[in-house]
Amino acid sequence: VDPRAAQEYKEGSDIDWEDAIAADGIWSNSAKGDRSPDILVNNT
């Protein structure tokens, strides 16, 4: 997450989430770094 965008959001500003998120994708276990298979993501 972009720290400036996080601070703006915390202060109540609307932010563009596309620019605020550093990594796109869906994680099945972010602590382990496991991503969900693309086939599952595309079917949801």
PDB file of N, CA and C in Angstrom:
ATOM      1  N   VAL A   1       0.849  -1.176   0.000  1.00  0.00           N
ATOM      2  CA  VAL A   1       0.000   0.000   0.000  1.00  0.00           C
ATOM      3  C   VAL A   1       0.891   1.234   0.000  1.00  0.00           C
ATOM      4  N   ASP A   2       0.490   2.206  -0.813  1.00  0.00           N
ATOM      5  CA  ASP A   2       1.204   3.479  -0.871  1.00  0.00           C
ATOM      6  C   ASP A   2       0.994   4.216   0.450  1.00  0.00           C
ATOM      7  N   PRO A   3       2.069   4.555   1.172  1.00  0.00           N
ATOM      8  CA  PRO A   3       1.898   5.182   2.486  1.00  0.00           C
ATOM      9  C   PRO A   3       1.202   6.537   2.435  1.00  0.00           C
ATOM     10  N   ARG A   4       1.422   7.308   1.375  1.00  0.00           N
ATOM     11  CA  ARG A   4       0.742   8.609   1.274  1.00  0.00           C
ATOM     12  C   ARG A   4      -0.754   8.423   1.095  1.00  0.00           C
ATOM     13  N   ALA A   5      -1.128   7.465   0.251  1.00  0.00           N
ATOM     14  CA  ALA A   5      -2.549   7.191   0.037  1.00  0.00           C
ATOM     15  C   ALA A   5      -3.190   6.669   1.322  1.00  0.00           C
ATOM     16  N   ALA A   6      -2.472   5.837   2.060  1.00  0.00           N
ATOM     17  CA  ALA A   6      -2.996   5.323   3.324  1.00  0.00           C
ATOM     18  C   ALA A   6      -3.228   6.458   4.317  1.00  0.00           C
ATOM     19  N   GLN A   7      -2.305   7.405   4.367  1.00  0.00           N
ATOM     20  CA  GLN A   7      -2.461   8.547   5.269  1.00  0.00           C
ATOM     21  C   GLN A   7      -3.649   9.406   4.852  1.00  0.00           C
ATOM     22  N   GLU A   8      -3.796   9.634   3.546  1.00  0.00           N
ATOM     23  CA  GLU A   8      -4.932  10.419   3.054  1.00  0.00           C
ATOM     24  C   GLU A   8      -6.249   9.735   3.412  1.00  0.00           C
ATOM     25  N   TYR A   9      -6.307   8.407   3.237  1.00  0.00           N
ATOM     26  CA  TYR A   9      -7.512   7.649   3.572  1.00  0.00           C
ATOM     27  C   TYR A   9      -7.797   7.737   5.072  1.00  0.00           C
ATOM     28  N   LYS A  10      -6.749   7.629   5.879  1.00  0.00           N
ATOM     29  CA  LYS A  10      -6.899   7.710   7.333  1.00  0.00           C
ATOM     30  C   LYS A  10      -7.436   9.073   7.760  1.00  0.00           C
ATOM     31  N   GLU A  11      -7.061  10.114   7.016  1.00  0.00           N
ATOM     32  CA  GLU A  11      -7.519  11.463   7.325  1.00  0.00           C
ATOM     33  C   GLU A  11      -8.903  11.761   6.759  1.00  0.00           C
ATOM     34  N   GLY A  12      -9.498  10.781   6.070  1.00  0.00           N
ATOM     35  CA  GLY A  12     -10.863  10.933   5.593  1.00  0.00           C
ATOM     36  C   GLY A  12     -11.013  11.280   4.127  1.00  0.00           C
ATOM     37  N   SER A  13      -9.908  11.371   3.388  1.00  0.00           N
ATOM     38  CA  SER A  13      -9.984  11.695   1.962  1.00  0.00           C
ATOM     39  C   SER A  13     -10.355  10.460   1.149  1.00  0.00           C
ATOM     40  N   ASP A  14     -11.022  10.696   0.028  1.00  0.00           N
ATOM     41  CA  ASP A  14     -11.259   9.617  -0.922  1.00  0.00           C
ATOM     42  C   ASP A  14      -9.977   9.401  -1.708  1.00  0.00           C
ATOM     43  N   ILE A  15      -9.621   8.132  -1.940  1.00  0.00           N
ATOM     44  CA  ILE A  15      -8.407   7.838  -2.695  1.00  0.00           C
ATOM     45  C   ILE A  15      -8.738   6.912  -3.849  1.00  0.00           C
ATOM     46  N   ASP A  16      -7.861   6.883  -4.825  1.00  0.00           N
ATOM     47  CA  ASP A  16      -7.996   5.964  -5.951  1.00  0.00           C
ATOM     48  C   ASP A  16      -7.308   4.658  -5.561  1.00  0.00           C
ATOM     49  N   TRP A  17      -8.097   3.626  -5.309  1.00  0.00           N
ATOM     50  CA  TRP A  17      -7.535   2.359  -4.835  1.00  0.00           C
ATOM     51  C   TRP A  17      -6.614   1.718  -5.862  1.00  0.00           C
ATOM     52  N   GLU A  18      -6.844   1.959  -7.147  1.00  0.00           N
ATOM     53  CA  GLU A  18      -5.968   1.409  -8.184  1.00  0.00           C
ATOM     54  C   GLU A  18      -4.540   1.914  -8.010  1.00  0.00           C
ATOM     55  N   ASP A  19      -4.395   3.168  -7.604  1.00  0.00           N
ATOM     56  CA  ASP A  19      -3.071   3.745  -7.400  1.00  0.00           C
ATOM     57  C   ASP A  19      -2.515   3.432  -6.013  1.00  0.00           C
ATOM     58  N   ALA A  20      -3.389   3.176  -5.052  1.00  0.00           N
ATOM     59  CA  ALA A  20      -2.954   2.981  -3.670  1.00  0.00           C
ATOM     60  C   ALA A  20      -2.394   1.582  -3.411  1.00  0.00           C
ATOM     61  N   ILE A  21      -2.891   0.589  -4.126  1.00  0.00           N
ATOM     62  CA  ILE A  21      -2.460  -0.789  -3.896  1.00  0.00           C
ATOM     63  C   ILE A  21      -1.193  -1.072  -4.692  1.00  0.00           C
ATOM     64  N   ALA A  22      -0.169  -1.576  -4.021  1.00  0.00           N
ATOM     65  CA  ALA A  22       1.119  -1.824  -4.665  1.00  0.00           C
ATOM     66  C   ALA A  22       1.127  -3.150  -5.429  1.00  0.00           C
ATOM     67  N   ALA A  23       0.411  -4.135  -4.955  1.00  0.00           N
ATOM     68  CA  ALA A  23       0.399  -5.446  -5.606  1.00  0.00           C
ATOM     69  C   ALA A  23      -1.040  -5.831  -5.894  1.00  0.00           C
ATOM     70  N   ASP A  24      -1.313  -6.117  -7.149  1.00  0.00           N
ATOM     71  CA  ASP A  24      -2.663  -6.564  -7.453  1.00  0.00           C
ATOM     72  C   ASP A  24      -2.676  -8.082  -7.485  1.00  0.00           C
ATOM     73  N   GLY A  25      -3.781  -8.631  -7.151  1.00  0.00           N
ATOM     74  CA  GLY A  25      -3.918 -10.074  -7.098  1.00  0.00           C
ATOM     75  C   GLY A  25      -4.649 -10.468  -5.830  1.00  0.00           C
ATOM     76  N   ILE A  26      -4.995 -11.710  -5.761  1.00  0.00           N
ATOM     77  CA  ILE A  26      -5.695 -12.230  -4.593  1.00  0.00           C
ATOM     78  C   ILE A  26      -4.814 -13.303  -3.971  1.00  0.00           C
ATOM     79  N   TRP A  27      -4.618 -13.186  -2.696  1.00  0.00           N
ATOM     80  CA  TRP A  27      -3.728 -14.086  -1.968  1.00  0.00           C
ATOM     81  C   TRP A  27      -4.549 -15.080  -1.165  1.00  0.00           C
ATOM     82  N   SER A  28      -4.206 -16.355  -1.257  1.00  0.00           N
ATOM     83  CA  SER A  28      -4.874 -17.349  -0.421  1.00  0.00           C
ATOM     84  C   SER A  28      -4.285 -17.327   0.985  1.00  0.00           C
ATOM     85  N   ASN A  29      -2.996 -16.973   1.093  1.00  0.00           N
ATOM     86  CA  ASN A  29      -2.343 -16.819   2.390  1.00  0.00           C
ATOM     87  C   ASN A  29      -1.244 -15.775   2.222  1.00  0.00           C
ATOM     88  N   SER A  30      -1.534 -14.544   2.579  1.00  0.00           N
ATOM     89  CA  SER A  30      -0.572 -13.463   2.365  1.00  0.00           C
ATOM     90  C   SER A  30       0.654 -13.596   3.263  1.00  0.00           C
ATOM     91  N   ALA A  31       0.504 -14.191   4.428  1.00  0.00           N
ATOM     92  CA  ALA A  31       1.648 -14.362   5.320  1.00  0.00           C
ATOM     93  C   ALA A  31       2.693 -15.294   4.710  1.00  0.00           C
ATOM     94  N   LYS A  32       2.223 -16.303   3.981  1.00  0.00           N
ATOM     95  CA  LYS A  32       3.135 -17.238   3.326  1.00  0.00           C
ATOM     96  C   LYS A  32       3.486 -16.807   1.909  1.00  0.00           C
ATOM     97  N   GLY A  33       2.757 -15.831   1.378  1.00  0.00           N
ATOM     98  CA  GLY A  33       3.000 -15.393   0.009  1.00  0.00           C
ATOM     99  C   GLY A  33       2.344 -16.273  -1.036  1.00  0.00           C
ATOM    100  N   ASP A  34       1.321 -17.012  -0.634  1.00  0.00           N
ATOM    101  CA  ASP A  34       0.614 -17.904  -1.558  1.00  0.00           C
ATOM    102  C   ASP A  34      -0.480 -17.143  -2.288  1.00  0.00           C
ATOM    103  N   ARG A  35      -0.415 -17.156  -3.619  1.00  0.00           N
ATOM    104  CA  ARG A  35      -1.453 -16.519  -4.429  1.00  0.00           C
ATOM    105  C   ARG A  35      -2.526 -17.543  -4.784  1.00  0.00           C
ATOM    106  N   SER A  36      -3.747 -17.061  -4.962  1.00  0.00           N
ATOM    107  CA  SER A  36      -4.821 -17.927  -5.440  1.00  0.00           C
ATOM    108  C   SER A  36      -4.595 -18.206  -6.919  1.00  0.00           C
ATOM    109  N   PRO A  37      -4.928 -19.400  -7.365  1.00  0.00           N
ATOM    110  CA  PRO A  37      -4.771 -19.703  -8.796  1.00  0.00           C
ATOM    111  C   PRO A  37      -5.612 -18.761  -9.658  1.00  0.00           C
ATOM    112  N   ASP A  38      -5.066 -18.348 -10.803  1.00  0.00           N
ATOM    113  CA  ASP A  38      -5.764 -17.423 -11.700  1.00  0.00           C
ATOM    114  C   ASP A  38      -7.123 -17.948 -12.134  1.00  0.00           C
ATOM    115  N   ILE A  39      -7.253 -19.239 -12.310  1.00  0.00           N
ATOM    116  CA  ILE A  39      -8.525 -19.809 -12.761  1.00  0.00           C
ATOM    117  C   ILE A  39      -9.621 -19.536 -11.725  1.00  0.00           C
ATOM    118  N   LEU A  40      -9.292 -19.596 -10.441  1.00  0.00           N
ATOM    119  CA  LEU A  40     -10.280 -19.305  -9.399  1.00  0.00           C
ATOM    120  C   LEU A  40     -10.615 -17.825  -9.352  1.00  0.00           C
ATOM    121  N   VAL A  41      -9.612 -16.985  -9.550  1.00  0.00           N
ATOM    122  CA  VAL A  41      -9.826 -15.541  -9.522  1.00  0.00           C
ATOM    123  C   VAL A  41     -10.704 -15.117 -10.690  1.00  0.00           C
ATOM    124  N   ASN A  42     -10.440 -15.639 -11.876  1.00  0.00           N
ATOM    125  CA  ASN A  42     -11.190 -15.256 -13.068  1.00  0.00           C
ATOM    126  C   ASN A  42     -12.621 -15.769 -13.050  1.00  0.00           C
ATOM    127  N   ASN A  43     -12.891 -16.826 -12.303  1.00  0.00           N
ATOM    128  CA  ASN A  43     -14.240 -17.395 -12.242  1.00  0.00           C
ATOM    129  C   ASN A  43     -15.110 -16.743 -11.179  1.00  0.00           C
ATOM    130  N   THR A  44     -14.579 -15.816 -10.411  1.00  0.00           N
ATOM    131  CA  THR A  44     -15.372 -15.165  -9.373  1.00  0.00           C
ATOM    132  C   THR A  44     -15.900 -13.847  -9.808  1.00  0.00           C
TER     133      THR A  44
END
